[in-house]
Amino acid sequence: MAKTKDKAARGGQGFEGYYSEIFGRRWPALKEALLKEGEPLAFTPFEGGSSYYLDAASVLAAISLPLKGAQNVLDMCAAPGGKSLVLASRMGADANLRCNERSFDRFQRLRKVVADHLPQEIQERIKISCGDGALLCKKENLLYDAILLDAPCSSERHVLNDPKYLADWSPARVKSLAMQQWALLSSAYRLLKDGGYLLYSTCALNQSENSQEAARLLKKFPEARAVSLEDVLAFQETGKKEISAFFDVAALPKFEAQELGFSILPDEQCGAGPIYFCLFKKGMDKIS
């Protein structure tokens, strides 16, 4: 019986049952939105430069990370590079950005995106590295003022739109990815300076990879705090001003509050997303 039940939980049938249970009556509309092609929007990081097209939900997540006063910024899983461009367009004139990617092929793509879309004077303050973000904390710690971790995830939108990946789907894959995400998230937190901010994001729909990971961080590190809705909104308003010359901020979607963190789902936001994000502050000093 156990083998039969496990087999039924795999593939398209298992995927349907798994996410129907999570979203209930909302699932048919959400699934329909996920099956449609997204509408990427132009982000032109500097005047006269070439445009990079990305999901508006990704832009909103990237501007939720406050960069005021940040000298050293890390994009831990940076490829293909869209969020890195958003961070580069927002960082201070004396700040440095490290863009890391563990896959060599994606690292090569990341280098090209940075070279093609950023002026030389900005590129000089960007370091692009290839390595496992989960291992970075073994070499260094307390180094960065702000960190963006857009972690590898289930990416259900891509699974739904690819018969091969859908046929291979199983709940075990979700568990495996959650383990990888925790290794990255805990490493990122150790790399963060006291008083710094860490934005954790995925394009997953399930809470095992989203709010449960955020809750695990708060349990593991008692000095960590999840930033409130009010403060996240304030940081986003600042971020909108910082990118208003490079992106149509009126096109940014709204988000939904989750048990912990926030999500943007395409059935409610004209195809944008899915994106989950949660912003953390290290230490108990006042949020600013």
Protein backbone atom coordinates (compact mmCIF):
# COMPACT_ATOMS: atom_id res chain seq x y z
CA MET A 1 0.00 0.00 0.00
CA ALA A 2 2.80 2.42 0.88
CA LYS A 3 4.37 2.03 -2.57
CA THR A 4 1.02 2.54 -4.31
CA LYS A 5 0.30 5.65 -2.28
CA ASP A 6 3.78 7.05 -2.96
CA LYS A 7 3.38 6.40 -6.71
CA ALA A 8 0.01 8.23 -6.73
CA ALA A 9 1.67 11.23 -5.07
CA ARG A 10 4.15 11.61 -7.92
CA GLY A 11 3.86 13.22 -11.34
CA GLY A 12 1.03 15.37 -12.57
CA GLN A 13 -1.62 13.68 -10.47
CA GLY A 14 0.44 14.06 -7.31
CA PHE A 15 1.27 17.69 -8.15
CA GLU A 16 -2.43 18.48 -8.65
CA GLY A 17 -3.42 16.90 -5.35
CA TYR A 18 -0.57 18.52 -3.42
CA TYR A 19 -1.33 22.09 -4.52
CA SER A 20 -5.11 21.64 -4.50
CA GLU A 21 -4.79 20.82 -0.81
CA ILE A 22 -2.71 23.95 -0.18
CA PHE A 23 -4.84 26.45 -2.10
CA GLY A 24 -8.29 24.87 -2.03
CA ARG A 25 -10.87 26.66 -4.17
CA ARG A 26 -8.26 29.15 -5.33
CA TRP A 27 -6.13 26.51 -7.05
CA PRO A 28 -7.97 26.29 -10.44
CA ALA A 29 -7.64 30.04 -11.06
CA LEU A 30 -4.05 30.07 -9.80
CA LYS A 31 -3.13 27.08 -11.95
CA GLU A 32 -4.66 28.76 -15.01
CA ALA A 33 -2.60 31.90 -14.35
CA LEU A 34 0.56 29.85 -13.89
CA LEU A 35 0.04 28.12 -17.22
CA LYS A 36 -0.06 31.42 -19.07
CA GLU A 37 3.09 33.15 -20.31
CA GLY A 38 4.29 35.87 -17.96
CA GLU A 39 4.75 39.45 -19.14
CA PRO A 40 8.31 40.54 -18.32
CA LEU A 41 8.88 44.29 -18.07
CA ALA A 42 11.86 46.40 -19.07
CA PHE A 43 14.35 47.42 -16.41
CA THR A 44 16.95 49.85 -17.78
CA PRO A 45 19.43 50.19 -14.92
CA PHE A 46 21.26 53.25 -16.21
CA GLU A 47 20.43 56.02 -18.64
CA GLY A 48 21.40 55.11 -22.18
CA GLY A 49 21.93 51.45 -21.28
CA SER A 50 20.20 48.39 -22.67
CA SER A 51 17.05 47.03 -21.03
CA TYR A 52 16.80 43.77 -19.12
CA TYR A 53 13.36 42.14 -18.99
CA LEU A 54 12.17 40.57 -15.77
CA ASP A 55 9.04 39.86 -13.76
CA ALA A 56 7.70 42.91 -11.91
CA ALA A 57 7.35 40.72 -8.80
CA SER A 58 11.12 40.18 -8.82
CA VAL A 59 11.67 43.93 -8.92
CA LEU A 60 9.34 44.46 -5.94
CA ALA A 61 11.19 41.81 -3.94
CA ALA A 62 14.58 43.35 -4.77
CA ILE A 63 13.54 46.87 -3.70
CA SER A 64 12.27 45.51 -0.37
CA LEU A 65 15.89 45.06 0.77
CA PRO A 66 17.03 48.37 2.30
CA LEU A 67 20.43 49.55 1.06
CA LYS A 68 20.72 52.90 2.87
CA GLY A 69 24.22 53.09 4.32
CA ALA A 70 25.13 49.59 3.09
CA GLN A 71 28.80 49.37 2.11
CA ASN A 72 28.98 45.68 1.26
CA VAL A 73 26.05 43.94 -0.43
CA LEU A 74 25.73 40.28 -1.42
CA ASP A 75 23.44 38.66 -3.97
CA MET A 76 24.05 35.06 -2.91
CA CYS A 77 22.33 33.13 -5.74
CA ALA A 78 22.48 35.84 -8.35
CA ALA A 79 21.99 34.25 -11.80
CA PRO A 80 20.59 35.07 -14.23
CA GLY A 81 21.18 38.58 -12.87
CA GLY A 82 17.97 40.61 -12.98
CA LYS A 83 17.83 41.24 -9.24
CA SER A 84 21.56 42.03 -9.27
CA LEU A 85 20.87 44.83 -11.74
CA VAL A 86 18.16 46.20 -9.44
CA LEU A 87 20.57 46.14 -6.49
CA ALA A 88 23.37 47.73 -8.54
CA SER A 89 21.06 50.57 -9.61
CA ARG A 90 20.17 51.29 -5.97
CA MET A 91 23.45 50.93 -4.07
CA GLY A 92 25.38 53.95 -2.87
CA ALA A 93 28.28 55.49 -4.77
CA ASP A 94 30.79 54.00 -2.32
CA ALA A 95 29.14 50.58 -1.98
CA ASN A 96 30.31 47.25 -3.38
CA LEU A 97 28.19 44.37 -4.63
CA ARG A 98 29.18 40.73 -4.74
CA CYS A 99 27.16 38.51 -7.09
CA ASN A 100 27.62 34.82 -6.41
CA GLU A 101 26.36 31.78 -8.34
CA ARG A 102 27.16 28.11 -7.76
CA SER A 103 26.43 26.83 -11.29
CA PHE A 104 29.29 27.57 -13.69
CA ASP A 105 26.99 27.82 -16.72
CA ARG A 106 24.69 30.25 -14.88
CA PHE A 107 27.75 32.10 -13.57
CA GLN A 108 28.81 32.69 -17.17
CA ARG A 109 25.38 34.02 -18.01
CA LEU A 110 25.48 36.27 -14.93
CA ARG A 111 28.80 37.77 -16.02
CA LYS A 112 27.36 38.55 -19.44
CA VAL A 113 24.25 40.21 -17.99
CA VAL A 114 26.38 42.46 -15.77
CA ALA A 115 28.74 43.31 -18.64
CA ASP A 116 25.89 44.02 -21.07
CA HIS A 117 23.72 46.16 -18.80
CA LEU A 118 25.94 48.09 -16.39
CA PRO A 119 28.44 50.88 -17.12
CA GLN A 120 32.13 50.23 -16.47
CA GLU A 121 32.29 52.47 -13.41
CA ILE A 122 29.61 50.35 -11.72
CA GLN A 123 31.13 47.06 -12.87
CA GLU A 124 34.35 48.06 -11.10
CA ARG A 125 32.47 47.85 -7.79
CA ILE A 126 30.95 44.45 -8.54
CA LYS A 127 32.65 41.15 -7.81
CA ILE A 128 31.22 38.08 -9.54
CA SER A 129 32.07 34.75 -7.96
CA CYS A 130 31.25 31.10 -8.62
CA GLY A 131 30.74 28.97 -5.53
CA ASP A 132 28.25 27.30 -3.23
CA GLY A 133 26.61 29.98 -1.12
CA ALA A 134 25.98 27.45 1.62
CA LEU A 135 29.75 27.18 2.13
CA LEU A 136 30.61 30.88 2.08
CA CYS A 137 30.11 31.19 5.84
CA LYS A 138 32.92 28.68 6.40
CA LYS A 139 35.40 31.15 4.89
CA GLU A 140 33.99 34.43 6.21
CA ASN A 141 31.27 35.85 8.45
CA LEU A 142 29.81 39.16 9.65
CA LEU A 143 30.87 40.67 6.33
CA TYR A 144 27.79 42.11 4.61
CA ASP A 145 25.41 44.94 5.46
CA ALA A 146 22.66 43.63 3.17
CA ILE A 147 22.09 40.23 1.58
CA LEU A 148 19.61 39.05 -1.04
CA LEU A 149 19.09 35.29 -1.14
CA ASP A 150 16.83 34.29 -4.01
CA ALA A 151 17.11 30.58 -3.35
CA PRO A 152 16.79 27.71 -5.84
CA CYS A 153 13.28 26.34 -5.41
CA SER A 154 10.48 24.16 -6.76
CA SER A 155 9.58 26.81 -9.36
CA GLU A 156 6.12 25.32 -9.83
CA ARG A 157 5.31 27.63 -12.72
CA HIS A 158 8.11 26.07 -14.77
CA VAL A 159 7.17 22.55 -13.63
CA LEU A 160 3.58 23.02 -14.77
CA ASN A 161 4.70 24.24 -18.18
CA ASP A 162 7.17 21.41 -18.84
CA PRO A 163 5.71 17.88 -19.21
CA LYS A 164 9.06 16.27 -18.40
CA TYR A 165 9.49 18.11 -15.09
CA LEU A 166 5.84 17.59 -14.21
CA ALA A 167 6.14 13.84 -14.75
CA ASP A 168 9.20 13.77 -12.46
CA TRP A 169 7.65 15.88 -9.67
CA SER A 170 7.30 14.41 -6.18
CA PRO A 171 6.92 15.67 -2.58
CA ALA A 172 10.44 14.35 -1.97
CA ARG A 173 11.75 17.05 -4.32
CA VAL A 174 10.15 19.72 -2.15
CA LYS A 175 11.83 18.28 0.95
CA SER A 176 15.20 18.08 -0.80
CA LEU A 177 15.00 21.70 -1.95
CA ALA A 178 13.97 22.85 1.52
CA MET A 179 17.13 21.27 2.92
CA GLN A 180 19.25 23.12 0.35
CA GLN A 181 17.44 26.38 1.10
CA TRP A 182 18.09 26.06 4.82
CA ALA A 183 21.81 25.52 4.20
CA LEU A 184 21.85 28.72 2.11
CA LEU A 185 19.68 30.73 4.48
CA SER A 186 21.64 29.85 7.60
CA SER A 187 24.89 30.61 5.77
CA ALA A 188 23.53 33.98 4.62
CA TYR A 189 22.55 34.90 8.17
CA ARG A 190 26.04 34.11 9.45
CA LEU A 191 27.51 36.32 6.71
CA LEU A 192 25.33 39.25 7.77
CA LYS A 193 26.72 41.99 9.99
CA ASP A 194 24.94 42.91 13.21
CA GLY A 195 22.23 45.40 12.30
CA GLY A 196 22.16 44.18 8.69
CA TYR A 197 19.22 43.08 6.57
CA LEU A 198 18.62 39.76 4.83
CA LEU A 199 15.92 39.26 2.21
CA TYR A 200 14.97 35.62 1.59
CA SER A 201 12.93 34.92 -1.53
CA THR A 202 11.79 32.05 -3.73
CA CYS A 203 9.41 31.56 -6.64
CA ALA A 204 7.89 28.54 -4.88
CA LEU A 205 4.25 28.15 -3.88
CA ASN A 206 4.56 25.76 -0.93
CA GLN A 207 5.21 26.85 2.62
CA SER A 208 7.89 24.20 3.22
CA GLU A 209 10.20 26.36 1.08
CA ASN A 210 8.79 29.70 2.18
CA SER A 211 7.35 30.64 5.57
CA GLN A 212 8.55 27.44 7.23
CA GLU A 213 12.13 28.30 6.27
CA ALA A 214 11.63 31.82 7.61
CA ALA A 215 10.25 30.43 10.88
CA ARG A 216 13.21 28.08 11.16
CA LEU A 217 15.62 31.00 10.91
CA LEU A 218 13.85 32.86 13.73
CA LYS A 219 13.93 29.74 15.90
CA LYS A 220 17.61 29.03 15.23
CA PHE A 221 18.79 32.62 15.74
CA PRO A 222 16.88 34.32 18.60
CA GLU A 223 18.37 37.74 17.78
CA ALA A 224 16.85 37.67 14.29
CA ARG A 225 13.67 39.62 13.63
CA ALA A 226 11.18 39.51 10.78
CA VAL A 227 10.62 43.08 9.60
CA SER A 228 7.04 44.28 10.00
CA LEU A 229 4.61 45.02 7.19
CA GLU A 230 4.75 48.74 7.99
CA ASP A 231 8.54 48.85 7.70
CA VAL A 232 8.61 46.71 4.55
CA LEU A 233 6.17 49.13 2.90
CA ALA A 234 8.37 52.06 3.92
CA PHE A 235 11.47 50.38 2.46
CA GLN A 236 9.56 49.71 -0.76
CA GLU A 237 8.59 53.36 -1.06
CA THR A 238 12.25 54.31 -0.79
CA GLY A 239 13.13 51.63 -3.33
CA LYS A 240 10.53 52.91 -5.78
CA LYS A 241 12.12 56.36 -5.69
CA GLU A 242 15.56 54.83 -6.26
CA ILE A 243 14.49 52.95 -9.40
CA SER A 244 11.85 55.34 -10.79
CA ALA A 245 14.25 56.49 -13.52
CA PHE A 246 14.88 52.89 -14.63
CA PHE A 247 11.51 51.16 -14.26
CA ASP A 248 7.80 51.95 -14.43
CA VAL A 249 7.05 51.71 -10.71
CA ALA A 250 3.31 51.97 -11.43
CA ALA A 251 3.59 48.45 -12.87
CA LEU A 252 4.81 46.96 -9.58
CA PRO A 253 2.34 44.41 -8.16
CA LYS A 254 0.80 44.27 -4.71
CA PHE A 255 1.58 41.46 -2.29
CA GLU A 256 -0.33 39.29 0.15
CA ALA A 257 0.69 38.84 3.77
CA GLN A 258 1.44 35.25 4.73
CA GLU A 259 1.79 33.70 8.18
CA LEU A 260 5.37 34.92 7.97
CA GLY A 261 6.51 36.97 5.01
CA PHE A 262 4.69 38.00 1.84
CA SER A 263 3.75 36.55 -1.54
CA ILE A 264 2.82 37.77 -5.01
CA LEU A 265 0.64 35.35 -6.96
CA PRO A 266 -0.23 35.65 -10.66
CA ASP A 267 -3.97 34.99 -10.38
CA GLU A 268 -4.39 38.24 -8.43
CA GLN A 269 -1.57 40.34 -9.92
CA CYS A 270 -2.03 40.21 -13.70
CA GLY A 271 0.37 37.32 -14.16
CA ALA A 272 3.20 38.63 -11.95
CA GLY A 273 4.98 36.11 -9.76
CA PRO A 274 4.88 33.81 -8.05
CA ILE A 275 7.31 35.29 -5.56
CA TYR A 276 7.63 34.77 -1.81
CA PHE A 277 9.86 37.00 0.31
CA CYS A 278 10.60 37.68 3.95
CA LEU A 279 12.88 40.45 5.24
CA PHE A 280 14.97 39.88 8.37
CA LYS A 281 17.05 42.21 10.51
CA LYS A 282 19.98 40.92 12.55
CA GLY A 283 20.03 42.28 16.07
CA MET A 284 17.58 44.08 18.28
CA ASP A 285 18.49 47.70 17.53
CA LYS A 286 15.90 50.02 16.01
CA ILE A 287 14.91 49.45 12.38
CA SER A 288 15.96 52.36 10.18
